[in-house]
Protein backbone atom coordinates (compact mmCIF):
# COMPACT_ATOMS: atom_id res chain seq x y z
CA MET A 1 3.96 -18.71 -44.49
CA ARG A 2 5.26 -15.26 -42.27
CA ILE A 3 3.50 -14.56 -39.09
CA ASP A 4 2.62 -10.85 -38.70
CA PRO A 5 4.85 -9.75 -35.32
CA VAL A 6 1.78 -8.30 -34.12
CA VAL A 7 -0.43 -11.34 -34.29
CA ARG A 8 2.47 -13.39 -33.44
CA ARG A 9 3.04 -11.02 -29.79
CA VAL A 10 -0.95 -11.29 -29.32
CA VAL A 11 -1.10 -15.12 -29.88
CA TYR A 12 1.64 -15.30 -27.16
CA ALA A 13 -0.26 -13.23 -24.90
CA CYS A 14 -2.71 -15.22 -24.80
CA THR A 15 -1.11 -18.21 -24.77
CA LEU A 16 0.39 -16.81 -21.37
CA LEU A 17 -2.64 -16.15 -20.08
CA VAL A 18 -4.55 -19.60 -20.76
CA ALA A 19 -1.54 -21.27 -18.98
CA ALA A 20 -1.65 -19.04 -16.15
CA ALA A 21 -5.76 -19.36 -15.95
CA LEU A 22 -5.30 -23.86 -15.50
CA PRO A 23 -5.97 -25.31 -12.71
CA GLY A 24 -2.46 -26.58 -11.17
CA ALA A 25 -0.73 -24.94 -13.68
CA ALA A 26 1.40 -23.37 -11.10
CA LEU A 27 4.65 -25.14 -10.32
CA GLY A 28 6.81 -25.08 -7.51
CA ALA A 29 10.63 -24.30 -8.19
CA GLY A 30 11.28 -27.68 -9.40
CA GLY A 31 8.67 -27.35 -12.13
CA ASP A 32 7.29 -30.59 -10.80
CA VAL A 33 5.79 -29.96 -7.56
CA PRO A 34 2.03 -28.43 -7.78
CA LEU A 35 1.43 -25.49 -5.74
CA MET A 36 -1.51 -25.47 -2.60
CA ARG A 37 -3.69 -22.82 -2.91
CA ALA A 38 -3.20 -19.95 -0.09
CA GLY A 39 -6.76 -18.83 0.58
CA ASN A 40 -5.45 -15.85 2.31
CA ASP A 41 -7.59 -12.94 1.79
CA ILE A 42 -5.63 -9.16 2.61
CA HIS A 43 -9.02 -7.25 3.09
CA ASN A 44 -9.39 -9.94 6.48
CA LEU A 45 -7.65 -7.28 8.97
CA PRO A 46 -7.32 -9.76 11.79
CA SER A 47 -5.97 -12.59 9.80
CA LEU A 48 -3.01 -10.09 9.15
CA GLN A 49 -2.88 -8.94 12.68
CA ARG A 50 -2.37 -12.15 13.24
CA GLY A 51 0.38 -13.10 10.32
CA ALA A 52 2.27 -9.41 11.68
CA ARG A 53 2.52 -11.25 15.25
CA ASN A 54 3.53 -14.61 13.51
CA PHE A 55 6.53 -13.27 11.29
CA MET A 56 8.31 -10.79 14.06
CA ASN A 57 8.27 -13.83 16.36
CA TYR A 58 8.66 -16.59 14.18
CA CYS A 59 10.57 -14.74 10.23
CA ALA A 60 12.39 -11.39 11.68
CA GLY A 61 15.32 -12.98 13.77
CA CYS A 62 16.95 -14.18 10.23
CA HIS A 63 15.01 -12.09 7.68
CA THR A 64 14.56 -8.43 7.15
CA ALA A 65 11.91 -6.33 5.67
CA GLN A 66 13.66 -3.43 4.72
CA TYR A 67 10.97 -1.82 2.72
CA MET A 68 8.25 -2.07 5.64
CA ARG A 69 8.55 0.45 8.90
CA TYR A 70 6.86 -0.51 11.79
CA ASN A 71 4.49 2.64 12.24
CA ARG A 72 2.83 1.63 8.31
CA ILE A 73 1.91 -1.43 9.98
CA ALA A 74 0.41 -0.20 12.83
CA GLN A 75 -1.36 2.53 10.43
CA ASP A 76 -2.75 -0.22 8.09
CA LEU A 77 -3.35 -3.19 10.53
CA ASP A 78 -5.40 -0.75 13.12
CA ILE A 79 -2.64 -1.54 16.05
CA PRO A 80 -2.16 0.58 18.58
CA GLU A 81 1.66 2.18 19.25
CA GLY A 82 1.60 0.70 22.53
CA GLU A 83 0.58 -2.88 21.70
CA LEU A 84 3.24 -2.03 18.66
CA LYS A 85 6.41 -1.19 20.57
CA ALA A 86 5.08 -4.29 23.57
CA ASN A 87 4.48 -7.41 21.07
CA LEU A 88 6.19 -6.21 17.51
CA MET A 89 9.22 -4.43 17.86
CA LEU A 90 11.50 -6.95 19.82
CA LYS A 91 14.24 -5.28 19.11
CA GLY A 92 13.04 -2.04 20.38
CA GLY A 93 14.01 1.02 18.22
CA SER A 94 11.57 3.83 16.18
CA VAL A 95 8.37 2.91 15.35
CA HIS A 96 9.74 5.12 12.18
CA ASP A 97 12.36 1.77 11.55
CA THR A 98 12.38 -0.46 8.53
CA ILE A 99 12.30 -3.86 9.76
CA ARG A 100 15.71 -4.97 10.30
CA ASN A 101 17.80 -8.20 12.18
CA ALA A 102 20.28 -8.83 14.13
CA MET A 103 21.91 -11.49 11.74
CA LYS A 104 25.32 -10.42 10.26
CA PRO A 105 25.20 -11.18 6.41
CA GLU A 106 28.39 -13.37 7.39
CA ASP A 107 26.88 -15.02 9.93
CA GLY A 108 23.45 -16.48 8.66
CA ARG A 109 26.30 -17.75 5.35
CA LYS A 110 28.14 -19.32 8.35
CA TRP A 111 25.60 -20.99 9.86
CA PHE A 112 23.46 -21.97 7.04
CA GLY A 113 25.17 -21.65 3.92
CA ASN A 114 23.46 -18.36 2.58
CA ALA A 115 22.67 -15.10 3.99
CA PRO A 116 18.66 -15.19 4.68
CA PRO A 117 17.37 -12.80 2.12
CA ASP A 118 15.27 -9.63 2.40
CA LEU A 119 11.43 -10.67 2.61
CA SER A 120 9.82 -7.54 1.82
CA LEU A 121 9.10 -8.43 -1.93
CA ILE A 122 8.74 -12.27 -1.37
CA ALA A 123 5.21 -12.69 -1.61
CA ARG A 124 5.36 -10.39 -5.24
CA SER A 125 8.36 -12.43 -6.42
CA ARG A 126 7.27 -16.32 -5.82
CA GLY A 127 3.60 -15.46 -5.06
CA PRO A 128 1.68 -16.34 -2.18
CA ASP A 129 0.63 -20.22 -3.27
CA TYR A 130 4.45 -20.82 -3.22
CA LEU A 131 4.84 -19.19 -0.34
CA TYR A 132 2.09 -21.05 1.55
CA THR A 133 3.16 -24.88 -0.50
CA PHE A 134 6.72 -24.56 1.10
CA LEU A 135 5.82 -23.40 4.18
CA MET A 136 3.89 -26.85 4.27
CA SER A 137 6.19 -29.07 2.77
CA TYR A 138 9.02 -29.82 5.19
CA TYR A 139 9.75 -33.05 5.51
CA ALA A 140 12.01 -35.61 7.73
CA ASP A 141 15.52 -36.41 5.80
CA PRO A 142 18.10 -37.28 8.19
CA SER A 143 20.92 -36.68 5.82
CA ARG A 144 20.51 -33.07 5.26
CA PRO A 145 22.14 -30.59 8.51
CA HIS A 146 18.93 -29.50 9.94
CA GLY A 147 17.42 -33.08 9.60
CA VAL A 148 15.06 -32.20 7.20
CA ASP A 149 14.49 -30.91 3.38
CA ASN A 150 11.76 -29.02 1.42
CA ARG A 151 9.85 -30.84 -1.78
CA VAL A 152 8.96 -27.30 -2.78
CA LEU A 153 13.03 -26.37 -2.63
CA PRO A 154 14.81 -28.92 -2.36
CA GLY A 155 18.12 -28.58 -0.65
CA THR A 156 17.18 -25.45 1.30
CA ALA A 157 19.62 -24.05 3.67
CA MET A 158 16.40 -23.00 5.64
CA PRO A 159 15.90 -25.26 8.67
CA HIS A 160 12.19 -25.87 9.40
CA VAL A 161 11.90 -22.84 12.57
CA LEU A 162 7.97 -24.40 12.97
CA ALA A 163 8.42 -27.90 13.40
CA HIS A 164 7.24 -27.11 17.02
CA LEU A 165 4.15 -26.07 15.45
CA GLN A 166 3.42 -28.69 12.94
CA GLY A 167 5.98 -31.29 13.71
CA VAL A 168 7.83 -33.21 11.84
CA GLN A 169 6.19 -35.16 8.92
CA ASN A 170 7.54 -37.90 6.44
CA ALA A 171 7.23 -38.17 3.20
CA VAL A 172 6.01 -41.16 1.31
CA TYR A 173 7.09 -42.57 -1.73
CA ARG A 174 6.44 -45.09 -4.56
CA THR A 175 8.80 -47.10 -6.66
CA GLU A 176 7.68 -47.05 -10.32
CA SER A 177 9.85 -48.24 -13.70
CA SER A 178 11.36 -45.68 -15.71
CA PRO A 179 11.02 -46.67 -19.55
CA ASP A 180 14.01 -47.67 -19.49
CA GLY A 181 13.65 -50.26 -16.68
CA SER A 182 15.51 -48.78 -13.76
CA ALA A 183 13.51 -48.16 -10.81
CA ILE A 184 12.87 -44.64 -9.73
CA LYS A 185 11.01 -42.77 -6.48
CA GLU A 186 7.45 -41.25 -6.99
CA PHE A 187 6.13 -38.97 -4.00
CA GLU A 188 2.96 -39.92 -2.81
CA ARG A 189 2.41 -37.67 -0.33
CA PHE A 190 3.53 -36.55 3.57
CA GLU A 191 2.28 -38.67 6.98
CA ALA A 192 1.98 -38.04 10.58
CA GLY A 193 5.30 -38.34 12.29
CA VAL A 194 6.70 -36.23 15.00
CA PRO A 195 3.79 -34.28 16.19
CA GLY A 196 3.52 -30.46 16.93
CA SER A 197 1.89 -28.22 19.43
CA LEU A 198 -0.39 -27.55 16.71
CA THR A 199 -3.39 -29.70 14.77
CA PRO A 200 -3.26 -29.59 10.87
CA ALA A 201 -5.85 -27.35 10.60
CA GLN A 202 -4.38 -24.80 13.31
CA TYR A 203 -1.01 -24.57 11.57
CA GLU A 204 -2.69 -24.41 8.30
CA GLU A 205 -4.54 -20.88 9.37
CA PHE A 206 -0.58 -20.24 11.12
CA VAL A 207 1.03 -20.61 7.74
CA ARG A 208 -2.08 -18.90 5.82
CA ASP A 209 -1.84 -15.54 7.97
CA THR A 210 1.66 -15.37 8.01
CA VAL A 211 1.71 -15.82 4.04
CA ASN A 212 -1.42 -13.01 4.28
CA PHE A 213 1.07 -10.61 6.17
CA LEU A 214 3.78 -11.15 3.54
CA GLU A 215 1.47 -10.37 0.59
CA TYR A 216 0.64 -7.11 2.42
CA VAL A 217 3.99 -6.70 3.07
CA GLY A 218 4.83 -6.57 -1.21
CA GLU A 219 2.18 -4.02 -1.67
CA PRO A 220 0.70 -2.35 1.43
CA ILE A 221 -1.91 -0.22 -1.00
CA GLN A 222 -3.11 -3.49 -2.26
CA ALA A 223 -6.45 -3.72 -0.44
CA LYS A 224 -6.84 0.17 -0.81
CA ARG A 225 -6.29 -0.03 -4.53
CA GLN A 226 -8.72 -2.92 -5.46
CA LYS A 227 -11.72 -1.07 -3.52
CA LEU A 228 -10.82 2.16 -5.03
CA GLY A 229 -11.02 -0.25 -8.41
CA ILE A 230 -14.57 -0.78 -8.12
CA TRP A 231 -15.51 2.75 -7.74
CA VAL A 232 -13.29 3.78 -10.42
CA ILE A 233 -15.11 1.08 -12.67
CA LEU A 234 -18.86 2.18 -11.43
CA PHE A 235 -17.53 5.59 -12.37
CA LEU A 236 -16.50 4.43 -15.55
CA LEU A 237 -19.96 2.43 -16.33
CA VAL A 238 -22.34 5.60 -15.34
CA PHE A 239 -19.95 8.14 -17.34
CA THR A 240 -20.60 5.21 -20.61
CA THR A 241 -24.03 5.68 -20.06
CA PHE A 242 -24.71 9.37 -19.93
CA ALA A 243 -21.80 9.56 -22.93
CA TYR A 244 -23.70 7.21 -24.85
CA PHE A 245 -27.27 9.06 -24.51
CA LEU A 246 -25.57 12.30 -24.81
CA LYS A 247 -24.27 10.62 -28.36
CA ARG A 248 -27.78 9.22 -29.12
CA GLU A 249 -29.19 13.25 -28.73
CA TYR A 250 -26.25 14.57 -31.00
CA TRP A 251 -26.95 12.27 -33.88
CA ARG A 252 -30.41 11.80 -33.51
CA ASP A 253 -31.48 14.25 -36.53
CA VAL A 254 -27.75 13.05 -39.09
CA LYS A 255 -29.37 10.89 -41.61
């Protein structure tokens, strides 16, 4: 039986929507790592301010955000220009500059094997849940050059730059038998290892604020767009109500 192309496209679109809505459907880069919910809120101004601080102190040394200007951050996040220059513009320059790092691409490749990517659109391309899970999933691995690996992105070239905050956790595995009888290691959980300066709850908040800021950077207009959208929907509802009663008035005497 031949299926109409339009029907096929509709079924395909519905399948994608259902898959996206299923709990736990989102997986990590390897396709087998369930992503944790970031739970960030781009309407939370204090969180965005803390996230900007986190980004500039821990990320901007290696990563750029070349589509975001400092003055836009100051305007959107209600940061006075003096505080912006003193606390966020660590490399100096003009408030009209975009966020650049001091690292040359060849240095990044030499030190890490890959040049650190620009993070302007990382939250839009990967999603906030991916970023949150990635920053929560470093664990001790002495075989790696930096002594750590990441569950979400195995073999990552990025060192655990937040290790002094989170500490270095250990990955616990269990041994199971595969269908062919061979033993395989399955990840079970993380357990505490070397402690950091923050409690687990404090570190989760730190990561959530950082991811919140990266989501804002990916679409600075998002919060305003959502607020405007509410008014647009309300206008359309009111307009539809008037249009309906007007239609009834016009067609009242039509038999």
